[in-house]
Amino acid sequence: MIDLADHLPVGSYEIPDRHRTRVILRDHTCRFPHCTRPATRCDLDHTRPHGEGGPTCPCNEVALCRRHHRAKTHSTWRYDIVMPGSYVWTSPTGHRFRVDHRGTHPIRTTHPPDE
């Protein structure tokens, strides 16, 4: 049995197969908004970069297809982990999306009325 909530950090940048298995079982698909590429065909992204102290641990790894991994790395798309398997993405234009096992859901922000 695999405990998907288990924290098994390693001291290197390289992601071991046991981490990949946990992330694939948890995320199922690329976790970018509206992407349906199976997690088995995705990269694993360090949410907080390893070079900035981010652990190599399933709690800091997210399944992203190559296209969306590059978008996150080389553009201003960003995401936060709300809880394992649940992410809030922010687009370059400031639109926000929650991505989880139920799919992609826009996060509507309410603005106060003009005074």
N, C-alpha and C. Protein backbone atom coordinates (compact mmCIF):
# COMPACT_ATOMS: atom_id res chain seq x y z
N MET A 1 0.83 -1.16 0.00
CA MET A 1 0.00 0.00 0.00
C MET A 1 0.89 1.25 0.00
N ILE A 2 0.50 2.27 -0.75
CA ILE A 2 1.25 3.52 -0.84
C ILE A 2 0.48 4.62 -0.12
N ASP A 3 1.13 5.25 0.85
CA ASP A 3 0.53 6.35 1.58
C ASP A 3 0.82 7.64 0.80
N LEU A 4 -0.21 8.22 0.17
CA LEU A 4 -0.02 9.41 -0.66
C LEU A 4 0.32 10.64 0.16
N ALA A 5 0.08 10.62 1.45
CA ALA A 5 0.39 11.77 2.31
C ALA A 5 1.78 11.65 2.94
N ASP A 6 2.48 10.56 2.66
CA ASP A 6 3.79 10.33 3.26
C ASP A 6 4.79 11.37 2.78
N HIS A 7 5.64 11.85 3.67
CA HIS A 7 6.71 12.79 3.33
C HIS A 7 8.03 12.03 3.36
N LEU A 8 8.64 11.89 2.18
CA LEU A 8 9.88 11.13 2.06
C LEU A 8 10.93 11.97 1.34
N PRO A 9 11.39 13.08 1.93
CA PRO A 9 12.36 13.92 1.22
C PRO A 9 13.68 13.20 0.99
N VAL A 10 14.31 13.58 -0.11
CA VAL A 10 15.66 13.10 -0.40
C VAL A 10 16.55 14.32 -0.53
N GLY A 11 17.85 14.14 -0.43
CA GLY A 11 18.78 15.26 -0.42
C GLY A 11 19.28 15.69 -1.79
N SER A 12 18.64 15.25 -2.86
CA SER A 12 19.12 15.60 -4.20
C SER A 12 18.02 16.23 -5.04
N TYR A 13 18.41 16.80 -6.17
CA TYR A 13 17.45 17.38 -7.11
C TYR A 13 16.68 16.29 -7.85
N GLU A 14 17.34 15.19 -8.17
CA GLU A 14 16.72 14.10 -8.92
C GLU A 14 15.57 13.48 -8.14
N ILE A 15 14.46 13.27 -8.83
CA ILE A 15 13.25 12.75 -8.18
C ILE A 15 13.21 11.23 -8.31
N PRO A 16 13.19 10.52 -7.18
CA PRO A 16 13.18 9.05 -7.26
C PRO A 16 11.84 8.50 -7.75
N ASP A 17 11.88 7.27 -8.25
CA ASP A 17 10.68 6.62 -8.77
C ASP A 17 9.56 6.53 -7.74
N ARG A 18 9.88 6.33 -6.48
CA ARG A 18 8.83 6.22 -5.46
C ARG A 18 8.06 7.54 -5.32
N HIS A 19 8.74 8.68 -5.52
CA HIS A 19 8.06 9.98 -5.52
C HIS A 19 7.16 10.10 -6.75
N ARG A 20 7.70 9.74 -7.90
CA ARG A 20 6.93 9.81 -9.15
C ARG A 20 5.64 9.01 -9.01
N THR A 21 5.71 7.82 -8.46
CA THR A 21 4.52 6.98 -8.27
C THR A 21 3.50 7.69 -7.39
N ARG A 22 3.93 8.25 -6.29
CA ARG A 22 3.00 8.95 -5.39
C ARG A 22 2.34 10.14 -6.07
N VAL A 23 3.13 10.95 -6.79
CA VAL A 23 2.58 12.15 -7.45
C VAL A 23 1.61 11.75 -8.56
N ILE A 24 1.94 10.73 -9.34
CA ILE A 24 1.04 10.26 -10.40
C ILE A 24 -0.29 9.79 -9.81
N LEU A 25 -0.25 9.03 -8.73
CA LEU A 25 -1.47 8.55 -8.10
C LEU A 25 -2.29 9.69 -7.48
N ARG A 26 -1.61 10.71 -6.99
CA ARG A 26 -2.30 11.84 -6.37
C ARG A 26 -2.88 12.80 -7.41
N ASP A 27 -2.10 13.17 -8.43
CA ASP A 27 -2.50 14.22 -9.36
C ASP A 27 -3.29 13.71 -10.57
N HIS A 28 -3.07 12.52 -11.03
CA HIS A 28 -3.75 11.89 -12.17
C HIS A 28 -3.44 12.54 -13.52
N THR A 29 -3.46 13.88 -13.61
CA THR A 29 -3.20 14.58 -14.88
C THR A 29 -2.29 15.77 -14.59
N CYS A 30 -1.83 16.40 -15.66
CA CYS A 30 -1.11 17.67 -15.52
C CYS A 30 -2.00 18.61 -14.71
N ARG A 31 -1.44 19.30 -13.76
CA ARG A 31 -2.22 20.14 -12.86
C ARG A 31 -2.34 21.59 -13.34
N PHE A 32 -1.99 21.86 -14.59
CA PHE A 32 -2.20 23.19 -15.17
C PHE A 32 -3.69 23.32 -15.50
N PRO A 33 -4.25 24.53 -15.37
CA PRO A 33 -5.68 24.69 -15.66
C PRO A 33 -6.10 24.10 -17.01
N HIS A 34 -7.12 23.28 -16.97
CA HIS A 34 -7.77 22.66 -18.13
C HIS A 34 -6.93 21.63 -18.87
N CYS A 35 -5.73 21.32 -18.43
CA CYS A 35 -4.90 20.32 -19.13
C CYS A 35 -5.32 18.92 -18.69
N THR A 36 -5.39 18.01 -19.64
CA THR A 36 -5.82 16.64 -19.33
C THR A 36 -4.74 15.60 -19.65
N ARG A 37 -3.51 16.03 -19.91
CA ARG A 37 -2.45 15.06 -20.19
C ARG A 37 -2.24 14.18 -18.95
N PRO A 38 -2.22 12.87 -19.12
CA PRO A 38 -2.05 11.97 -17.98
C PRO A 38 -0.74 12.25 -17.24
N ALA A 39 -0.78 12.16 -15.93
CA ALA A 39 0.40 12.41 -15.10
C ALA A 39 1.53 11.45 -15.45
N THR A 40 1.20 10.28 -15.97
CA THR A 40 2.24 9.32 -16.37
C THR A 40 3.11 9.87 -17.50
N ARG A 41 2.61 10.89 -18.22
CA ARG A 41 3.36 11.50 -19.33
C ARG A 41 3.83 12.91 -18.99
N CYS A 42 3.94 13.22 -17.69
CA CYS A 42 4.31 14.56 -17.23
C CYS A 42 5.68 14.58 -16.56
N ASP A 43 6.25 15.79 -16.51
CA ASP A 43 7.41 16.06 -15.67
C ASP A 43 6.91 16.22 -14.24
N LEU A 44 7.81 16.14 -13.28
CA LEU A 44 7.48 16.53 -11.92
C LEU A 44 8.20 17.84 -11.64
N ASP A 45 7.44 18.84 -11.24
CA ASP A 45 7.96 20.17 -10.97
C ASP A 45 8.17 20.35 -9.48
N HIS A 46 9.32 20.91 -9.11
CA HIS A 46 9.53 21.36 -7.73
C HIS A 46 8.76 22.67 -7.59
N THR A 47 7.72 22.70 -6.77
CA THR A 47 6.94 23.91 -6.57
C THR A 47 7.86 25.04 -6.10
N ARG A 48 8.54 24.81 -5.01
CA ARG A 48 9.60 25.73 -4.58
C ARG A 48 10.88 25.15 -5.13
N PRO A 49 11.59 25.89 -5.99
CA PRO A 49 12.77 25.33 -6.65
C PRO A 49 13.79 24.73 -5.67
N HIS A 50 14.37 23.61 -6.08
CA HIS A 50 15.36 22.93 -5.26
C HIS A 50 16.52 23.87 -4.94
N GLY A 51 16.93 24.67 -5.92
CA GLY A 51 18.04 25.61 -5.72
C GLY A 51 17.74 26.72 -4.73
N GLU A 52 16.46 26.89 -4.39
CA GLU A 52 16.05 27.90 -3.40
C GLU A 52 15.63 27.24 -2.09
N GLY A 53 16.06 26.01 -1.89
CA GLY A 53 15.77 25.32 -0.64
C GLY A 53 14.53 24.45 -0.65
N GLY A 54 13.87 24.34 -1.81
CA GLY A 54 12.69 23.49 -1.89
C GLY A 54 13.07 22.03 -1.78
N PRO A 55 12.37 21.27 -0.96
CA PRO A 55 12.72 19.86 -0.79
C PRO A 55 12.33 19.01 -2.00
N THR A 56 13.07 17.96 -2.22
CA THR A 56 12.68 16.95 -3.20
C THR A 56 11.84 15.94 -2.42
N CYS A 57 10.54 16.21 -2.42
CA CYS A 57 9.58 15.46 -1.63
C CYS A 57 8.22 15.57 -2.33
N PRO A 58 7.39 14.54 -2.31
CA PRO A 58 6.08 14.64 -2.96
C PRO A 58 5.27 15.86 -2.52
N CYS A 59 5.50 16.37 -1.32
CA CYS A 59 4.77 17.56 -0.86
C CYS A 59 5.19 18.81 -1.62
N ASN A 60 6.30 18.76 -2.37
CA ASN A 60 6.81 19.90 -3.13
C ASN A 60 6.91 19.57 -4.62
N GLU A 61 6.26 18.49 -5.06
CA GLU A 61 6.34 18.05 -6.45
C GLU A 61 4.94 17.99 -7.04
N VAL A 62 4.83 18.47 -8.28
CA VAL A 62 3.53 18.53 -8.97
C VAL A 62 3.72 18.02 -10.39
N ALA A 63 2.74 17.25 -10.87
CA ALA A 63 2.76 16.76 -12.25
C ALA A 63 2.40 17.90 -13.21
N LEU A 64 3.32 18.23 -14.11
CA LEU A 64 3.08 19.22 -15.17
C LEU A 64 3.61 18.66 -16.48
N CYS A 65 2.78 18.73 -17.53
CA CYS A 65 3.27 18.30 -18.84
C CYS A 65 4.41 19.24 -19.24
N ARG A 66 5.20 18.84 -20.19
CA ARG A 66 6.38 19.62 -20.56
C ARG A 66 6.02 21.05 -20.95
N ARG A 67 4.95 21.23 -21.72
CA ARG A 67 4.54 22.58 -22.15
C ARG A 67 4.22 23.47 -20.95
N HIS A 68 3.47 22.94 -20.00
CA HIS A 68 3.06 23.75 -18.85
C HIS A 68 4.17 23.87 -17.82
N HIS A 69 5.06 22.90 -17.76
CA HIS A 69 6.24 23.01 -16.91
C HIS A 69 7.09 24.19 -17.40
N ARG A 70 7.26 24.28 -18.70
CA ARG A 70 8.03 25.40 -19.27
C ARG A 70 7.31 26.73 -19.06
N ALA A 71 5.98 26.73 -19.19
CA ALA A 71 5.22 27.97 -18.95
C ALA A 71 5.43 28.45 -17.52
N LYS A 72 5.39 27.54 -16.58
CA LYS A 72 5.59 27.91 -15.17
C LYS A 72 7.02 28.39 -14.93
N THR A 73 7.99 27.74 -15.57
CA THR A 73 9.39 28.07 -15.35
C THR A 73 9.82 29.34 -16.07
N HIS A 74 9.30 29.57 -17.29
CA HIS A 74 9.82 30.66 -18.12
C HIS A 74 8.83 31.79 -18.37
N SER A 75 7.71 31.83 -17.65
CA SER A 75 6.76 32.94 -17.80
C SER A 75 6.31 33.34 -16.40
N THR A 76 5.27 34.13 -16.34
CA THR A 76 4.80 34.58 -15.03
C THR A 76 3.60 33.77 -14.51
N TRP A 77 3.29 32.62 -15.13
CA TRP A 77 2.31 31.70 -14.54
C TRP A 77 2.89 31.21 -13.22
N ARG A 78 2.08 31.18 -12.17
CA ARG A 78 2.52 30.71 -10.85
C ARG A 78 1.40 29.90 -10.20
N TYR A 79 1.77 29.03 -9.28
CA TYR A 79 0.76 28.31 -8.52
C TYR A 79 1.20 28.16 -7.08
N ASP A 80 0.22 27.96 -6.22
CA ASP A 80 0.44 27.65 -4.81
C ASP A 80 -0.25 26.34 -4.52
N ILE A 81 0.34 25.57 -3.63
CA ILE A 81 -0.29 24.34 -3.17
C ILE A 81 -1.22 24.70 -2.02
N VAL A 82 -2.52 24.43 -2.22
CA VAL A 82 -3.50 24.68 -1.16
C VAL A 82 -3.44 23.53 -0.16
N MET A 83 -3.38 22.33 -0.70
CA MET A 83 -3.20 21.10 0.05
C MET A 83 -2.74 20.07 -0.97
N PRO A 84 -2.16 18.95 -0.57
CA PRO A 84 -1.69 18.01 -1.58
C PRO A 84 -2.79 17.65 -2.58
N GLY A 85 -2.48 17.86 -3.87
CA GLY A 85 -3.44 17.56 -4.93
C GLY A 85 -4.36 18.72 -5.28
N SER A 86 -4.23 19.85 -4.62
CA SER A 86 -5.09 21.00 -4.87
C SER A 86 -4.22 22.25 -5.00
N TYR A 87 -4.38 22.95 -6.14
CA TYR A 87 -3.49 24.05 -6.48
C TYR A 87 -4.28 25.28 -6.90
N VAL A 88 -3.74 26.45 -6.62
CA VAL A 88 -4.32 27.69 -7.12
C VAL A 88 -3.28 28.32 -8.04
N TRP A 89 -3.68 28.45 -9.31
CA TRP A 89 -2.83 29.03 -10.35
C TRP A 89 -3.19 30.50 -10.54
N THR A 90 -2.18 31.31 -10.83
CA THR A 90 -2.38 32.71 -11.18
C THR A 90 -1.76 32.92 -12.56
N SER A 91 -2.57 33.43 -13.50
CA SER A 91 -2.11 33.67 -14.87
C SER A 91 -1.31 34.97 -14.93
N PRO A 92 -0.61 35.20 -16.04
CA PRO A 92 0.13 36.46 -16.20
C PRO A 92 -0.78 37.69 -16.11
N THR A 93 -2.07 37.54 -16.40
CA THR A 93 -3.00 38.67 -16.34
C THR A 93 -3.71 38.78 -14.99
N GLY A 94 -3.36 37.89 -14.04
CA GLY A 94 -3.94 37.95 -12.71
C GLY A 94 -5.17 37.09 -12.49
N HIS A 95 -5.63 36.38 -13.53
CA HIS A 95 -6.76 35.47 -13.34
C HIS A 95 -6.30 34.27 -12.51
N ARG A 96 -7.20 33.79 -11.65
CA ARG A 96 -6.85 32.69 -10.76
C ARG A 96 -7.76 31.51 -10.99
N PHE A 97 -7.18 30.31 -10.85
CA PHE A 97 -7.90 29.06 -11.07
C PHE A 97 -7.52 28.07 -9.99
N ARG A 98 -8.52 27.38 -9.47
CA ARG A 98 -8.25 26.27 -8.55
C ARG A 98 -8.29 24.99 -9.38
N VAL A 99 -7.25 24.17 -9.25
CA VAL A 99 -7.16 22.90 -9.97
C VAL A 99 -7.03 21.80 -8.93
N ASP A 100 -7.96 20.83 -9.00
CA ASP A 100 -7.93 19.71 -8.07
C ASP A 100 -8.55 18.49 -8.75
N HIS A 101 -8.87 17.47 -7.99
CA HIS A 101 -9.40 16.22 -8.55
C HIS A 101 -10.75 16.42 -9.25
N ARG A 102 -11.41 17.55 -9.02
CA ARG A 102 -12.69 17.83 -9.68
C ARG A 102 -12.53 18.63 -10.95
N GLY A 103 -11.30 19.06 -11.29
CA GLY A 103 -11.07 19.81 -12.51
C GLY A 103 -10.56 21.22 -12.23
N THR A 104 -10.83 22.12 -13.18
CA THR A 104 -10.40 23.52 -13.09
C THR A 104 -11.60 24.41 -12.81
N HIS A 105 -11.44 25.28 -11.84
CA HIS A 105 -12.53 26.18 -11.46
C HIS A 105 -11.99 27.59 -11.33
N PRO A 106 -12.54 28.55 -12.09
CA PRO A 106 -12.09 29.93 -11.93
C PRO A 106 -12.40 30.44 -10.52
N ILE A 107 -11.50 31.23 -9.99
CA ILE A 107 -11.73 31.86 -8.69
C ILE A 107 -12.16 33.28 -8.98
N ARG A 108 -13.37 33.57 -8.64
CA ARG A 108 -13.91 34.90 -8.88
C ARG A 108 -13.53 35.81 -7.71
N THR A 109 -12.99 36.94 -8.04
CA THR A 109 -12.67 37.92 -7.00
C THR A 109 -13.72 39.00 -7.03
N THR A 110 -14.13 39.40 -5.88
CA THR A 110 -15.12 40.47 -5.81
C THR A 110 -14.39 41.78 -5.55
N HIS A 111 -14.78 42.78 -6.27
CA HIS A 111 -14.18 44.09 -6.11
C HIS A 111 -15.17 45.00 -5.41
N PRO A 112 -14.70 45.83 -4.49
CA PRO A 112 -15.63 46.73 -3.84
C PRO A 112 -16.19 47.73 -4.85
N PRO A 113 -17.41 48.20 -4.67
CA PRO A 113 -18.00 49.15 -5.60
C PRO A 113 -17.18 50.44 -5.64
N ASP A 114 -17.17 51.08 -6.81
CA ASP A 114 -16.46 52.35 -6.94
C ASP A 114 -17.10 53.39 -6.04
N GLU A 115 -16.28 54.20 -5.45
CA GLU A 115 -16.82 55.23 -4.56
C GLU A 115 -16.90 56.54 -5.27
